[in-house]
C-alpha atoms as a PDB file:
ATOM      1  CA  MET A   1     -84.060  34.109  -8.443  1.00  0.00           C
ATOM      2  CA  ARG A   2     -81.914  36.484  -6.437  1.00  0.00           C
ATOM      3  CA  VAL A   3     -83.199  37.756  -3.082  1.00  0.00           C
ATOM      4  CA  LEU A   4     -82.003  40.499  -0.726  1.00  0.00           C
ATOM      5  CA  ASP A   5     -82.863  40.566   2.984  1.00  0.00           C
ATOM      6  CA  VAL A   6     -82.252  44.126   4.235  1.00  0.00           C
ATOM      7  CA  GLY A   7     -81.775  44.362   7.998  1.00  0.00           C
ATOM      8  CA  ALA A   8     -81.518  40.583   8.168  1.00  0.00           C
ATOM      9  CA  GLY A   9     -79.851  40.340  11.521  1.00  0.00           C
ATOM     10  CA  PRO A  10     -76.976  37.907  11.883  1.00  0.00           C
ATOM     11  CA  LEU A  11     -78.941  35.119  10.142  1.00  0.00           C
ATOM     12  CA  THR A  12     -81.484  35.702   7.384  1.00  0.00           C
ATOM     13  CA  TRP A  13     -84.655  33.671   7.774  1.00  0.00           C
ATOM     14  CA  ILE A  14     -85.992  33.996   4.209  1.00  0.00           C
ATOM     15  CA  GLY A  15     -83.798  31.329   2.628  1.00  0.00           C
ATOM     16  CA  LYS A  16     -80.251  30.625   1.644  1.00  0.00           C
ATOM     17  CA  ASN A  17     -80.144  29.806  -2.085  1.00  0.00           C
ATOM     18  CA  GLY A  18     -79.660  32.998  -4.087  1.00  0.00           C
ATOM     19  CA  THR A  19     -79.995  35.179  -0.988  1.00  0.00           C
ATOM     20  CA  ASP A  20     -77.862  38.158  -0.026  1.00  0.00           C
ATOM     21  CA  ALA A  21     -78.261  39.880   3.320  1.00  0.00           C
ATOM     22  CA  SER A  22     -77.261  43.141   4.982  1.00  0.00           C
ATOM     23  CA  TRP A  23     -77.458  44.419   8.545  1.00  0.00           C
ATOM     24  CA  PRO A  24     -75.908  47.548  10.088  1.00  0.00           C
ATOM     25  CA  LEU A  25     -75.016  45.839  13.365  1.00  0.00           C
ATOM     26  CA  MET A  26     -72.960  43.184  11.576  1.00  0.00           C
ATOM     27  CA  ARG A  27     -69.991  45.502  12.136  1.00  0.00           C
ATOM     28  CA  LEU A  28     -70.315  44.853  15.882  1.00  0.00           C
ATOM     29  CA  ILE A  29     -70.725  41.100  15.421  1.00  0.00           C
ATOM     30  CA  ARG A  30     -67.572  40.951  13.283  1.00  0.00           C
ATOM     31  CA  TRP A  31     -65.656  42.921  15.922  1.00  0.00           C
ATOM     32  CA  ARG A  32     -66.918  40.550  18.598  1.00  0.00           C
ATOM     33  CA  LYS A  33     -65.927  37.511  16.504  1.00  0.00           C
ATOM     34  CA  ARG A  34     -62.387  38.840  16.225  1.00  0.00           C
ATOM     35  CA  MET A  35     -62.302  39.108  19.995  1.00  0.00           C
ATOM     36  CA  ASP A  36     -63.559  35.514  20.385  1.00  0.00           C
ATOM     37  CA  SER A  37     -62.398  33.459  17.413  1.00  0.00           C
ATOM     38  CA  SER A  38     -63.920  30.272  18.859  1.00  0.00           C
ATOM     39  CA  CYS A  39     -67.364  31.867  18.522  1.00  0.00           C
ATOM     40  CA  ALA A  40     -66.772  32.506  14.812  1.00  0.00           C
ATOM     41  CA  SER A  41     -66.055  28.839  14.147  1.00  0.00           C
ATOM     42  CA  ARG A  42     -69.201  27.691  15.993  1.00  0.00           C
ATOM     43  CA  HIS A  43     -71.611  29.996  14.150  1.00  0.00           C
ATOM     44  CA  GLN A  44     -71.184  29.680  10.400  1.00  0.00           C
ATOM     45  CA  ALA A  45     -74.180  31.077   8.535  1.00  0.00           C
ATOM     46  CA  ALA A  46     -75.403  29.654   5.218  1.00  0.00           C
ATOM     47  CA  VAL A  47     -75.599  33.247   3.932  1.00  0.00           C
ATOM     48  CA  GLU A  48     -72.909  35.771   4.780  1.00  0.00           C
ATOM     49  CA  THR A  49     -74.542  38.931   6.082  1.00  0.00           C
ATOM     50  CA  LYS A  50     -72.761  42.073   4.894  1.00  0.00           C
ATOM     51  CA  ALA A  51     -72.366  45.034   7.207  1.00  0.00           C
ATOM     52  CA  GLY A  52     -74.383  47.875   5.733  1.00  0.00           C
ATOM     53  CA  ASP A  53     -77.250  50.281   6.234  1.00  0.00           C
ATOM     54  CA  GLY A  54     -80.504  50.096   4.277  1.00  0.00           C
ATOM     55  CA  GLU A  55     -79.627  53.464   2.768  1.00  0.00           C
ATOM     56  CA  ASP A  56     -76.541  51.849   1.174  1.00  0.00           C
ATOM     57  CA  VAL A  57     -78.126  48.815  -0.513  1.00  0.00           C
ATOM     58  CA  VAL A  58     -77.219  50.035  -4.015  1.00  0.00           C
ATOM     59  CA  LYS A  59     -73.633  50.791  -2.948  1.00  0.00           C
ATOM     60  CA  LEU A  60     -73.302  47.298  -1.436  1.00  0.00           C
ATOM     61  CA  PHE A  61     -74.979  45.224  -4.151  1.00  0.00           C
ATOM     62  CA  GLY A  62     -75.586  47.341  -7.260  1.00  0.00           C
ATOM     63  CA  ARG A  63     -78.606  48.515  -9.274  1.00  0.00           C
ATOM     64  CA  GLN A  64     -81.372  46.278 -10.613  1.00  0.00           C
ATOM     65  CA  VAL A  65     -79.829  43.120  -9.149  1.00  0.00           C
ATOM     66  CA  PHE A  66     -82.628  41.477  -7.133  1.00  0.00           C
ATOM     67  CA  ASP A  67     -85.883  39.786  -8.089  1.00  0.00           C
ATOM     68  CA  LEU A  68     -87.155  40.132  -4.511  1.00  0.00           C
ATOM     69  CA  THR A  69     -86.019  42.705  -1.962  1.00  0.00           C
ATOM     70  CA  PHE A  70     -87.292  42.208   1.566  1.00  0.00           C
ATOM     71  CA  ALA A  71     -87.139  44.168   4.847  1.00  0.00           C
ATOM     72  CA  ARG A  72     -88.794  43.092   8.085  1.00  0.00           C
ATOM     73  CA  ASN A  73     -89.102  45.329  11.140  1.00  0.00           C
ATOM     74  CA  CYS A  74     -85.899  47.241  10.459  1.00  0.00           C
ATOM     75  CA  LEU A  75     -86.381  50.340   8.307  1.00  0.00           C
ATOM     76  CA  ASP A  76     -88.093  52.220  11.126  1.00  0.00           C
ATOM     77  CA  HIS A  77     -84.628  52.057  12.769  1.00  0.00           C
ATOM     78  CA  SER A  78     -82.916  53.752   9.791  1.00  0.00           C
ATOM     79  CA  TYR A  79     -81.144  57.099   9.704  1.00  0.00           C
ATOM     80  CA  ASP A  80     -83.259  57.911   6.640  1.00  0.00           C
ATOM     81  CA  ALA A  81     -86.021  55.385   5.947  1.00  0.00           C
ATOM     82  CA  ILE A  82     -87.067  57.210   2.765  1.00  0.00           C
ATOM     83  CA  GLN A  83     -83.563  56.787   1.337  1.00  0.00           C
ATOM     84  CA  ALA A  84     -83.504  53.144   2.490  1.00  0.00           C
ATOM     85  CA  VAL A  85     -86.728  52.395   0.596  1.00  0.00           C
ATOM     86  CA  THR A  86     -85.412  54.306  -2.446  1.00  0.00           C
ATOM     87  CA  SER A  87     -82.194  52.286  -2.374  1.00  0.00           C
ATOM     88  CA  MET A  88     -84.198  49.034  -2.170  1.00  0.00           C
ATOM     89  CA  ILE A  89     -86.265  50.112  -5.194  1.00  0.00           C
ATOM     90  CA  GLU A  90     -83.116  50.923  -7.170  1.00  0.00           C
ATOM     91  CA  ALA A  91     -81.530  47.555  -6.260  1.00  0.00           C
ATOM     92  CA  THR A  92     -84.605  45.633  -7.465  1.00  0.00           C
ATOM     93  CA  LYS A  93     -84.972  44.579 -11.099  1.00  0.00           C
ATOM     94  CA  PRO A  94     -87.822  46.119 -13.118  1.00  0.00           C
ATOM     95  CA  GLY A  95     -90.879  43.970 -12.443  1.00  0.00           C
ATOM     96  CA  GLY A  96     -89.313  42.679  -9.219  1.00  0.00           C
ATOM     97  CA  ILE A  97     -91.044  42.557  -5.857  1.00  0.00           C
ATOM     98  CA  ILE A  98     -90.326  44.628  -2.759  1.00  0.00           C
ATOM     99  CA  VAL A  99     -91.749  43.476   0.570  1.00  0.00           C
ATOM    100  CA  LEU A 100     -91.783  45.795   3.579  1.00  0.00           C
ATOM    101  CA  TRP A 101     -93.036  44.031   6.717  1.00  0.00           C
ATOM    102  CA  HIS A 102     -93.302  46.639   9.464  1.00  0.00           C
ATOM    103  CA  GLY A 103     -95.807  47.552  12.140  1.00  0.00           C
ATOM    104  CA  PRO A 104     -97.812  50.647  11.284  1.00  0.00           C
ATOM    105  CA  ASP A 105     -96.356  53.924  12.583  1.00  0.00           C
ATOM    106  CA  GLU A 106     -93.849  52.348  14.997  1.00  0.00           C
ATOM    107  CA  GLY A 107     -92.149  55.682  15.690  1.00  0.00           C
ATOM    108  CA  GLU A 108     -95.403  57.229  16.907  1.00  0.00           C
ATOM    109  CA  THR A 109     -96.492  54.073  18.733  1.00  0.00           C
ATOM    110  CA  GLU A 110     -93.166  53.845  20.599  1.00  0.00           C
ATOM    111  CA  CYS A 111     -92.946  57.647  21.163  1.00  0.00           C
ATOM    112  CA  TYR A 112     -89.700  57.696  19.144  1.00  0.00           C
ATOM    113  CA  GLN A 113     -87.923  55.812  21.933  1.00  0.00           C
ATOM    114  CA  GLY A 114     -84.951  53.577  21.223  1.00  0.00           C
ATOM    115  CA  LEU A 115     -84.583  52.449  17.630  1.00  0.00           C
ATOM    116  CA  HIS A 116     -88.130  53.297  16.512  1.00  0.00           C
ATOM    117  CA  GLN A 117     -87.640  56.564  14.631  1.00  0.00           C
ATOM    118  CA  TRP A 118     -89.734  56.257  11.438  1.00  0.00           C
ATOM    119  CA  ASN A 119     -93.347  55.513  10.562  1.00  0.00           C
ATOM    120  CA  PHE A 120     -94.805  53.348   7.781  1.00  0.00           C
ATOM    121  CA  HIS A 121     -98.434  52.952   6.840  1.00  0.00           C
ATOM    122  CA  LEU A 122    -100.718  52.620   3.837  1.00  0.00           C
ATOM    123  CA  GLU A 123    -102.901  55.528   2.815  1.00  0.00           C
ATOM    124  CA  ASN A 124    -105.259  55.008  -0.133  1.00  0.00           C
ATOM    125  CA  ALA A 125    -103.204  51.915  -1.097  1.00  0.00           C
ATOM    126  CA  GLU A 126     -99.996  54.003  -1.198  1.00  0.00           C
ATOM    127  CA  LEU A 127     -96.995  53.550   1.065  1.00  0.00           C
ATOM    128  CA  VAL A 128     -96.359  56.521   3.338  1.00  0.00           C
ATOM    129  CA  VAL A 129     -92.997  56.773   5.120  1.00  0.00           C
ATOM    130  CA  TRP A 130     -92.711  59.679   7.501  1.00  0.00           C
ATOM    131  CA  LYS A 131     -91.031  61.277  10.486  1.00  0.00           C
ATOM    132  CA  GLY A 132     -92.079  64.719  11.661  1.00  0.00           C
ATOM    133  CA  ASP A 133     -92.575  66.851   8.557  1.00  0.00           C
ATOM    134  CA  LYS A 134     -90.450  64.609   6.282  1.00  0.00           C
ATOM    135  CA  ASN A 135     -92.471  62.133   4.165  1.00  0.00           C
END
């Protein structure tokens, strides 16, 4: 079984065997590690997290690769959450599972402050992703 953790942070918490991970801020962590090479040797992750946005999952990993694609509390921080979800769908094998674990309507709840820019909720058992008039 192959698993993808989108927006994993520096260390995925969903497992290490067969897991790939991506996180936009990994670019900053890698820069910081170059500045402090002793830090890099102390913190070796079981899964290497790739630097990449949720919108670029297919570019990073390919189409129909994963049995399970997972995102927790991260897609509301995306440039384009609709594209991020679409990319996750395209990266998941037919019959695979996609798990989105987000608070409902975080953008609205947080008044679009900081990273909270998109909203997710269920409406009539359908996922609704929206921001302003884009949904």
